[in-house]
Amino acid sequence: MDQFDEKILTLLKQDARLSVSELAKQVNLSRSAVTARIKKLEKQGTILGYHANVASNDNAVVIKAYLALKFDTSSSTHHCESYAAQIYEIEGVKWSHAISGETDMMLYVEVSTMEQLNSIRNQLHQIPELHQLTTHTVLTEFFNTLRHG
């Protein structure tokens, strides 16, 4: 990854709706060169997607929680990566990280009901190697630099 790729990524993080023409102008490359670089970054998995930050309905209840997962991998060759694709498909899971320490994987979820949160927990319990699942419900969010608005 060179300085042009870094600049393209910085610009897309600021505004994923920038046109290729605008990106090309700002990084001093041709449109075709920018398009090729974006395709390369997508193929490498550097750019995972483009998302809209949607304001939540003021009347909607949003339950936020962190789920700490610990797997029994003593008799298995599975690693966190092997569970990530399955977990990605669960509605309400916003992100997943493999972490160090007692916990193997940490998930962040946002749902509108406790039933949905329990449904996510039930789906996770279907993973045979899941040894422990701990739910940490968010009580107060003091700040979040990832949210815009």
N, C-alpha and C. Protein backbone atom coordinates (compact mmCIF):
# COMPACT_ATOMS: atom_id res chain seq x y z
N MET A 1 0.86 -1.17 0.00
CA MET A 1 0.00 0.00 0.00
C MET A 1 0.90 1.23 0.00
N ASP A 2 0.68 2.10 -0.96
CA ASP A 2 1.50 3.29 -1.06
C ASP A 2 0.71 4.54 -0.63
N GLN A 3 1.32 5.70 -0.82
CA GLN A 3 0.70 6.96 -0.39
C GLN A 3 -0.62 7.24 -1.11
N PHE A 4 -0.75 6.80 -2.36
CA PHE A 4 -1.99 7.03 -3.10
C PHE A 4 -3.13 6.18 -2.52
N ASP A 5 -2.82 4.90 -2.23
CA ASP A 5 -3.82 4.04 -1.60
C ASP A 5 -4.26 4.60 -0.25
N GLU A 6 -3.29 5.05 0.53
CA GLU A 6 -3.60 5.63 1.85
C GLU A 6 -4.51 6.85 1.71
N LYS A 7 -4.22 7.70 0.74
CA LYS A 7 -5.02 8.91 0.54
C LYS A 7 -6.43 8.55 0.08
N ILE A 8 -6.55 7.57 -0.82
CA ILE A 8 -7.86 7.11 -1.29
C ILE A 8 -8.67 6.58 -0.11
N LEU A 9 -8.04 5.77 0.73
CA LEU A 9 -8.74 5.22 1.90
C LEU A 9 -9.17 6.32 2.85
N THR A 10 -8.31 7.28 3.09
CA THR A 10 -8.65 8.40 3.98
C THR A 10 -9.86 9.17 3.44
N LEU A 11 -9.86 9.43 2.15
CA LEU A 11 -10.97 10.16 1.53
C LEU A 11 -12.26 9.36 1.59
N LEU A 12 -12.18 8.06 1.32
CA LEU A 12 -13.38 7.22 1.36
C LEU A 12 -13.92 7.06 2.79
N LYS A 13 -13.04 7.04 3.78
CA LYS A 13 -13.49 6.99 5.17
C LYS A 13 -14.27 8.25 5.53
N GLN A 14 -13.83 9.38 4.98
CA GLN A 14 -14.50 10.65 5.25
C GLN A 14 -15.83 10.75 4.52
N ASP A 15 -15.86 10.24 3.30
CA ASP A 15 -17.08 10.31 2.49
C ASP A 15 -17.06 9.19 1.46
N ALA A 16 -17.73 8.08 1.77
CA ALA A 16 -17.73 6.91 0.88
C ALA A 16 -18.49 7.17 -0.41
N ARG A 17 -19.20 8.30 -0.49
CA ARG A 17 -19.97 8.61 -1.69
C ARG A 17 -19.17 9.43 -2.71
N LEU A 18 -17.91 9.71 -2.42
CA LEU A 18 -17.11 10.47 -3.38
C LEU A 18 -17.04 9.73 -4.72
N SER A 19 -17.19 10.47 -5.79
CA SER A 19 -17.09 9.86 -7.12
C SER A 19 -15.63 9.55 -7.43
N VAL A 20 -15.43 8.64 -8.37
CA VAL A 20 -14.08 8.31 -8.80
C VAL A 20 -13.41 9.55 -9.37
N SER A 21 -14.16 10.37 -10.07
CA SER A 21 -13.61 11.60 -10.63
C SER A 21 -13.09 12.52 -9.53
N GLU A 22 -13.87 12.67 -8.46
CA GLU A 22 -13.46 13.54 -7.35
C GLU A 22 -12.25 12.95 -6.65
N LEU A 23 -12.25 11.63 -6.44
CA LEU A 23 -11.09 10.98 -5.82
C LEU A 23 -9.84 11.20 -6.67
N ALA A 24 -9.99 10.99 -7.98
CA ALA A 24 -8.86 11.15 -8.90
C ALA A 24 -8.29 12.56 -8.82
N LYS A 25 -9.17 13.54 -8.76
CA LYS A 25 -8.74 14.93 -8.68
C LYS A 25 -7.96 15.17 -7.38
N GLN A 26 -8.44 14.63 -6.28
CA GLN A 26 -7.83 14.90 -4.99
C GLN A 26 -6.51 14.15 -4.77
N VAL A 27 -6.33 13.01 -5.45
CA VAL A 27 -5.08 12.25 -5.29
C VAL A 27 -4.13 12.43 -6.48
N ASN A 28 -4.55 13.21 -7.45
CA ASN A 28 -3.71 13.50 -8.63
C ASN A 28 -3.38 12.27 -9.45
N LEU A 29 -4.39 11.45 -9.69
CA LEU A 29 -4.26 10.27 -10.55
C LEU A 29 -5.41 10.28 -11.55
N SER A 30 -5.29 9.47 -12.59
CA SER A 30 -6.38 9.35 -13.55
C SER A 30 -7.54 8.57 -12.94
N ARG A 31 -8.73 8.72 -13.51
CA ARG A 31 -9.89 7.97 -13.03
C ARG A 31 -9.65 6.47 -13.14
N SER A 32 -9.05 6.04 -14.25
CA SER A 32 -8.80 4.60 -14.43
C SER A 32 -7.81 4.08 -13.40
N ALA A 33 -6.80 4.87 -13.03
CA ALA A 33 -5.84 4.45 -12.01
C ALA A 33 -6.52 4.34 -10.65
N VAL A 34 -7.39 5.29 -10.32
CA VAL A 34 -8.11 5.26 -9.05
C VAL A 34 -9.06 4.07 -9.01
N THR A 35 -9.77 3.84 -10.11
CA THR A 35 -10.67 2.69 -10.18
C THR A 35 -9.91 1.39 -9.97
N ALA A 36 -8.77 1.24 -10.61
CA ALA A 36 -7.95 0.03 -10.46
C ALA A 36 -7.48 -0.14 -9.02
N ARG A 37 -7.09 0.96 -8.40
CA ARG A 37 -6.62 0.89 -7.01
C ARG A 37 -7.76 0.51 -6.06
N ILE A 38 -8.94 1.06 -6.28
CA ILE A 38 -10.10 0.73 -5.44
C ILE A 38 -10.44 -0.75 -5.59
N LYS A 39 -10.46 -1.24 -6.82
CA LYS A 39 -10.75 -2.67 -7.06
C LYS A 39 -9.71 -3.55 -6.38
N LYS A 40 -8.44 -3.15 -6.42
CA LYS A 40 -7.37 -3.91 -5.76
C LYS A 40 -7.58 -3.91 -4.25
N LEU A 41 -7.93 -2.75 -3.68
CA LEU A 41 -8.15 -2.65 -2.23
C LEU A 41 -9.36 -3.48 -1.80
N GLU A 42 -10.37 -3.54 -2.65
CA GLU A 42 -11.54 -4.38 -2.35
C GLU A 42 -11.16 -5.85 -2.42
N LYS A 43 -10.42 -6.23 -3.45
CA LYS A 43 -10.03 -7.64 -3.63
C LYS A 43 -9.12 -8.12 -2.50
N GLN A 44 -8.24 -7.23 -2.01
CA GLN A 44 -7.33 -7.57 -0.92
C GLN A 44 -8.05 -7.64 0.43
N GLY A 45 -9.28 -7.13 0.47
CA GLY A 45 -10.00 -7.11 1.73
C GLY A 45 -9.71 -5.89 2.58
N THR A 46 -9.02 -4.91 2.01
CA THR A 46 -8.77 -3.66 2.74
C THR A 46 -10.05 -2.86 2.83
N ILE A 47 -10.76 -2.74 1.71
CA ILE A 47 -12.09 -2.12 1.70
C ILE A 47 -13.10 -3.25 1.79
N LEU A 48 -13.83 -3.28 2.89
CA LEU A 48 -14.78 -4.37 3.12
C LEU A 48 -16.18 -4.04 2.63
N GLY A 49 -16.47 -2.78 2.42
CA GLY A 49 -17.79 -2.40 1.97
C GLY A 49 -18.01 -0.91 2.14
N TYR A 50 -19.17 -0.48 1.74
CA TYR A 50 -19.55 0.92 1.82
C TYR A 50 -20.88 0.96 2.56
N HIS A 51 -20.97 1.81 3.58
CA HIS A 51 -22.12 1.77 4.47
C HIS A 51 -22.73 3.14 4.65
N ALA A 52 -24.02 3.15 4.93
CA ALA A 52 -24.72 4.38 5.27
C ALA A 52 -24.88 4.44 6.78
N ASN A 53 -24.56 5.56 7.37
CA ASN A 53 -24.83 5.79 8.78
C ASN A 53 -26.24 6.35 8.86
N VAL A 54 -27.17 5.56 9.35
CA VAL A 54 -28.57 5.94 9.37
C VAL A 54 -28.95 6.35 10.78
N ALA A 55 -29.55 7.51 10.89
CA ALA A 55 -29.99 7.99 12.20
C ALA A 55 -31.08 7.07 12.73
N SER A 56 -31.00 6.77 14.01
CA SER A 56 -32.03 5.90 14.59
C SER A 56 -33.29 6.71 14.86
N ASN A 57 -34.39 6.03 14.80
CA ASN A 57 -35.68 6.63 15.10
C ASN A 57 -35.68 7.01 16.58
N ASP A 58 -36.04 8.25 16.89
CA ASP A 58 -36.01 8.71 18.28
C ASP A 58 -36.88 7.85 19.19
N ASN A 59 -37.93 7.25 18.65
CA ASN A 59 -38.82 6.43 19.46
C ASN A 59 -38.35 4.97 19.56
N ALA A 60 -37.37 4.60 18.73
CA ALA A 60 -36.91 3.21 18.71
C ALA A 60 -36.01 2.94 19.90
N VAL A 61 -36.22 1.83 20.54
CA VAL A 61 -35.36 1.39 21.62
C VAL A 61 -34.19 0.65 21.00
N VAL A 62 -33.00 1.03 21.38
CA VAL A 62 -31.82 0.33 20.89
C VAL A 62 -31.10 -0.27 22.08
N ILE A 63 -31.03 -1.58 22.07
CA ILE A 63 -30.31 -2.31 23.10
C ILE A 63 -28.94 -2.64 22.52
N LYS A 64 -27.91 -2.18 23.22
CA LYS A 64 -26.54 -2.42 22.79
C LYS A 64 -25.89 -3.36 23.78
N ALA A 65 -25.11 -4.29 23.26
CA ALA A 65 -24.45 -5.23 24.15
C ALA A 65 -23.15 -5.73 23.53
N TYR A 66 -22.25 -6.10 24.40
CA TYR A 66 -21.02 -6.78 24.01
C TYR A 66 -21.16 -8.23 24.43
N LEU A 67 -20.81 -9.13 23.54
CA LEU A 67 -20.88 -10.55 23.85
C LEU A 67 -19.46 -11.10 23.82
N ALA A 68 -19.03 -11.66 24.94
CA ALA A 68 -17.70 -12.25 25.05
C ALA A 68 -17.82 -13.75 24.83
N LEU A 69 -17.11 -14.27 23.83
CA LEU A 69 -17.18 -15.68 23.48
C LEU A 69 -15.86 -16.36 23.79
N LYS A 70 -15.97 -17.52 24.40
CA LYS A 70 -14.79 -18.34 24.66
C LYS A 70 -15.06 -19.72 24.07
N PHE A 71 -14.11 -20.18 23.25
CA PHE A 71 -14.28 -21.45 22.56
C PHE A 71 -13.41 -22.53 23.18
N ASP A 72 -13.89 -23.76 23.11
CA ASP A 72 -13.09 -24.91 23.51
C ASP A 72 -12.42 -25.43 22.26
N THR A 73 -11.18 -25.06 22.07
CA THR A 73 -10.45 -25.46 20.86
C THR A 73 -9.45 -26.57 21.16
N SER A 74 -9.54 -27.16 22.34
CA SER A 74 -8.58 -28.21 22.72
C SER A 74 -8.67 -29.43 21.81
N SER A 75 -9.87 -29.77 21.37
CA SER A 75 -10.03 -30.95 20.51
C SER A 75 -10.47 -30.55 19.11
N SER A 76 -10.17 -29.31 18.74
CA SER A 76 -10.63 -28.80 17.45
C SER A 76 -9.52 -28.00 16.79
N THR A 77 -9.56 -27.95 15.48
CA THR A 77 -8.60 -27.13 14.74
C THR A 77 -9.22 -25.79 14.34
N HIS A 78 -10.43 -25.52 14.82
CA HIS A 78 -11.09 -24.28 14.49
C HIS A 78 -10.44 -23.11 15.22
N HIS A 79 -10.46 -21.97 14.56
CA HIS A 79 -9.97 -20.73 15.15
C HIS A 79 -11.06 -19.69 14.98
N CYS A 80 -10.90 -18.53 15.60
CA CYS A 80 -11.91 -17.48 15.52
C CYS A 80 -12.31 -17.16 14.08
N GLU A 81 -11.32 -17.20 13.18
CA GLU A 81 -11.61 -16.89 11.78
C GLU A 81 -12.66 -17.83 11.20
N SER A 82 -12.65 -19.08 11.65
CA SER A 82 -13.59 -20.04 11.09
C SER A 82 -15.02 -19.79 11.56
N TYR A 83 -15.18 -19.07 12.67
CA TYR A 83 -16.52 -18.76 13.17
C TYR A 83 -17.02 -17.42 12.63
N ALA A 84 -16.11 -16.57 12.19
CA ALA A 84 -16.47 -15.20 11.80
C ALA A 84 -17.51 -15.15 10.68
N ALA A 85 -17.36 -15.98 9.66
CA ALA A 85 -18.30 -15.95 8.54
C ALA A 85 -19.70 -16.33 9.00
N GLN A 86 -19.80 -17.32 9.87
CA GLN A 86 -21.10 -17.74 10.40
C GLN A 86 -21.72 -16.63 11.26
N ILE A 87 -20.92 -16.00 12.08
CA ILE A 87 -21.41 -14.93 12.96
C ILE A 87 -21.80 -13.69 12.16
N TYR A 88 -21.08 -13.44 11.07
CA TYR A 88 -21.38 -12.29 10.21
C TYR A 88 -22.82 -12.33 9.71
N GLU A 89 -23.35 -13.51 9.51
CA GLU A 89 -24.71 -13.68 8.98
C GLU A 89 -25.80 -13.43 10.02
N ILE A 90 -25.44 -13.29 11.28
CA ILE A 90 -26.45 -13.10 12.33
C ILE A 90 -26.86 -11.63 12.37
N GLU A 91 -28.15 -11.40 12.15
CA GLU A 91 -28.66 -10.03 12.13
C GLU A 91 -28.53 -9.40 13.51
N GLY A 92 -28.01 -8.18 13.53
CA GLY A 92 -27.84 -7.46 14.78
C GLY A 92 -26.39 -7.39 15.24
N VAL A 93 -25.56 -8.31 14.76
CA VAL A 93 -24.14 -8.27 15.11
C VAL A 93 -23.48 -7.21 14.22
N LYS A 94 -22.91 -6.19 14.85
CA LYS A 94 -22.34 -5.07 14.11
C LYS A 94 -20.85 -5.23 13.85
N TRP A 95 -20.14 -5.80 14.81
CA TRP A 95 -18.72 -6.08 14.59
C TRP A 95 -18.27 -7.23 15.45
N SER A 96 -17.13 -7.80 15.06
CA SER A 96 -16.56 -8.95 15.76
C SER A 96 -15.04 -8.80 15.75
N HIS A 97 -14.43 -9.06 16.91
CA HIS A 97 -12.98 -9.00 17.02
C HIS A 97 -12.47 -10.24 17.75
N ALA A 98 -11.38 -10.81 17.25
CA ALA A 98 -10.63 -11.80 18.01
C ALA A 98 -9.75 -10.99 18.95
N ILE A 99 -9.75 -11.34 20.24
CA ILE A 99 -9.00 -10.55 21.21
C ILE A 99 -8.12 -11.45 22.06
N SER A 100 -7.18 -10.82 22.75
CA SER A 100 -6.30 -11.57 23.64
C SER A 100 -6.93 -11.67 25.02
N GLY A 101 -6.38 -12.55 25.84
CA GLY A 101 -6.87 -12.70 27.20
C GLY A 101 -7.79 -13.90 27.34
N GLU A 102 -8.61 -13.86 28.37
CA GLU A 102 -9.52 -14.97 28.68
C GLU A 102 -10.58 -15.18 27.60
N THR A 103 -10.97 -14.12 26.94
CA THR A 103 -12.01 -14.18 25.91
C THR A 103 -11.35 -14.36 24.55
N ASP A 104 -11.96 -15.18 23.69
CA ASP A 104 -11.41 -15.40 22.35
C ASP A 104 -11.94 -14.39 21.34
N MET A 105 -13.23 -14.07 21.46
CA MET A 105 -13.86 -13.21 20.48
C MET A 105 -14.86 -12.29 21.18
N MET A 106 -14.89 -11.02 20.76
CA MET A 106 -15.82 -10.05 21.32
C MET A 106 -16.71 -9.55 20.18
N LEU A 107 -18.02 -9.59 20.42
CA LEU A 107 -19.00 -9.11 19.45
C LEU A 107 -19.67 -7.88 20.02
N TYR A 108 -20.10 -7.00 19.12
CA TYR A 108 -20.93 -5.86 19.51
C TYR A 108 -22.24 -6.00 18.75
N VAL A 109 -23.35 -5.91 19.47
CA VAL A 109 -24.66 -6.06 18.84
C VAL A 109 -25.55 -4.87 19.17
N GLU A 110 -26.45 -4.57 18.26
CA GLU A 110 -27.50 -3.58 18.46
C GLU A 110 -28.81 -4.20 18.00
N VAL A 111 -29.79 -4.24 18.89
CA VAL A 111 -31.10 -4.80 18.59
C VAL A 111 -32.16 -3.91 19.22
N SER A 112 -33.40 -4.14 18.85
CA SER A 112 -34.47 -3.30 19.40
C SER A 112 -35.25 -3.97 20.53
N THR A 113 -35.05 -5.29 20.71
CA THR A 113 -35.77 -5.97 21.79
C THR A 113 -34.85 -6.98 22.48
N MET A 114 -35.20 -7.31 23.71
CA MET A 114 -34.46 -8.34 24.42
C MET A 114 -34.65 -9.70 23.76
N GLU A 115 -35.80 -9.91 23.12
CA GLU A 115 -36.03 -11.17 22.40
C GLU A 115 -35.01 -11.33 21.28
N GLN A 116 -34.71 -10.23 20.59
CA GLN A 116 -33.71 -10.30 19.52
C GLN A 116 -32.33 -10.59 20.10
N LEU A 117 -32.01 -9.99 21.22
CA LEU A 117 -30.73 -10.26 21.87
C LEU A 117 -30.64 -11.74 22.26
N ASN A 118 -31.69 -12.26 22.83
CA ASN A 118 -31.72 -13.68 23.20
C ASN A 118 -31.63 -14.58 21.97
N SER A 119 -32.23 -14.15 20.86
CA SER A 119 -32.15 -14.91 19.63
C SER A 119 -30.71 -15.00 19.14
N ILE A 120 -29.98 -13.89 19.24
CA ILE A 120 -28.57 -13.90 18.85
C ILE A 120 -27.80 -14.86 19.75
N ARG A 121 -28.05 -14.79 21.05
CA ARG A 121 -27.38 -15.69 21.99
C ARG A 121 -27.69 -17.15 21.65
N ASN A 122 -28.95 -17.44 21.32
CA ASN A 122 -29.33 -18.81 20.97
C ASN A 122 -28.62 -19.28 19.70
N GLN A 123 -28.51 -18.38 18.71
CA GLN A 123 -27.81 -18.75 17.48
C GLN A 123 -26.33 -19.03 17.76
N LEU A 124 -25.73 -18.25 18.62
CA LEU A 124 -24.32 -18.46 18.97
C LEU A 124 -24.14 -19.78 19.71
N HIS A 125 -25.09 -20.13 20.55
CA HIS A 125 -24.99 -21.39 21.29
C HIS A 125 -25.06 -22.61 20.38
N GLN A 126 -25.43 -22.42 19.12
CA GLN A 126 -25.45 -23.53 18.15
C GLN A 126 -24.04 -23.90 17.69
N ILE A 127 -23.05 -23.05 17.98
CA ILE A 127 -21.67 -23.36 17.61
C ILE A 127 -21.16 -24.41 18.60
N PRO A 128 -20.84 -25.60 18.13
CA PRO A 128 -20.49 -26.70 19.05
C PRO A 128 -19.31 -26.39 19.97
N GLU A 129 -18.31 -25.66 19.49
CA GLU A 129 -17.11 -25.40 20.28
C GLU A 129 -17.26 -24.23 21.24
N LEU A 130 -18.44 -23.55 21.23
CA LEU A 130 -18.63 -22.42 22.14
C LEU A 130 -18.67 -22.94 23.57
N HIS A 131 -17.72 -22.51 24.36
CA HIS A 131 -17.60 -22.99 25.74
C HIS A 131 -18.29 -22.04 26.72
N GLN A 132 -18.18 -20.72 26.45
CA GLN A 132 -18.75 -19.74 27.37
C GLN A 132 -19.19 -18.51 26.58
N LEU A 133 -20.35 -17.98 26.95
CA LEU A 133 -20.90 -16.77 26.33
C LEU A 133 -21.35 -15.85 27.46
N THR A 134 -20.74 -14.67 27.51
CA THR A 134 -21.08 -13.70 28.53
C THR A 134 -21.61 -12.45 27.85
N THR A 135 -22.75 -11.96 28.31
CA THR A 135 -23.37 -10.76 27.74
C THR A 135 -23.15 -9.58 28.66
N HIS A 136 -22.66 -8.49 28.08
CA HIS A 136 -22.45 -7.24 28.81
C HIS A 136 -23.34 -6.19 28.14
N THR A 137 -24.45 -5.85 28.77
CA THR A 137 -25.38 -4.88 28.20
C THR A 137 -24.89 -3.46 28.48
N VAL A 138 -24.92 -2.61 27.46
CA VAL A 138 -24.49 -1.22 27.60
C VAL A 138 -25.57 -0.44 28.36
N LEU A 139 -25.18 0.21 29.42
CA LEU A 139 -26.11 1.04 30.19
C LEU A 139 -26.09 2.49 29.71
N THR A 140 -24.90 3.02 29.47
CA THR A 140 -24.75 4.41 29.03
C THR A 140 -23.62 4.49 28.02
N GLU A 141 -23.86 5.22 26.95
CA GLU A 141 -22.80 5.50 25.98
C GLU A 141 -22.38 6.95 26.18
N PHE A 142 -21.17 7.15 26.67
CA PHE A 142 -20.71 8.51 26.94
C PHE A 142 -20.27 9.21 25.67
N PHE A 143 -19.61 8.51 24.79
CA PHE A 143 -19.27 9.06 23.49
C PHE A 143 -18.94 7.93 22.54
N ASN A 144 -19.03 8.22 21.26
CA ASN A 144 -18.73 7.23 20.23
C ASN A 144 -18.21 8.02 19.03
N THR A 145 -16.93 7.99 18.80
CA THR A 145 -16.34 8.77 17.71
C THR A 145 -16.61 8.16 16.34
N LEU A 146 -17.17 6.95 16.31
CA LEU A 146 -17.50 6.32 15.02
C LEU A 146 -18.85 6.76 14.49
N ARG A 147 -19.68 7.32 15.33
CA ARG A 147 -21.01 7.79 14.90
C ARG A 147 -20.90 9.22 14.42
N HIS A 148 -21.58 9.50 13.33
CA HIS A 148 -21.59 10.86 12.78
C HIS A 148 -22.93 11.50 13.09
N GLY A 149 -22.92 12.81 13.16
CA GLY A 149 -24.21 13.47 13.31
C GLY A 149 -24.31 14.36 14.41
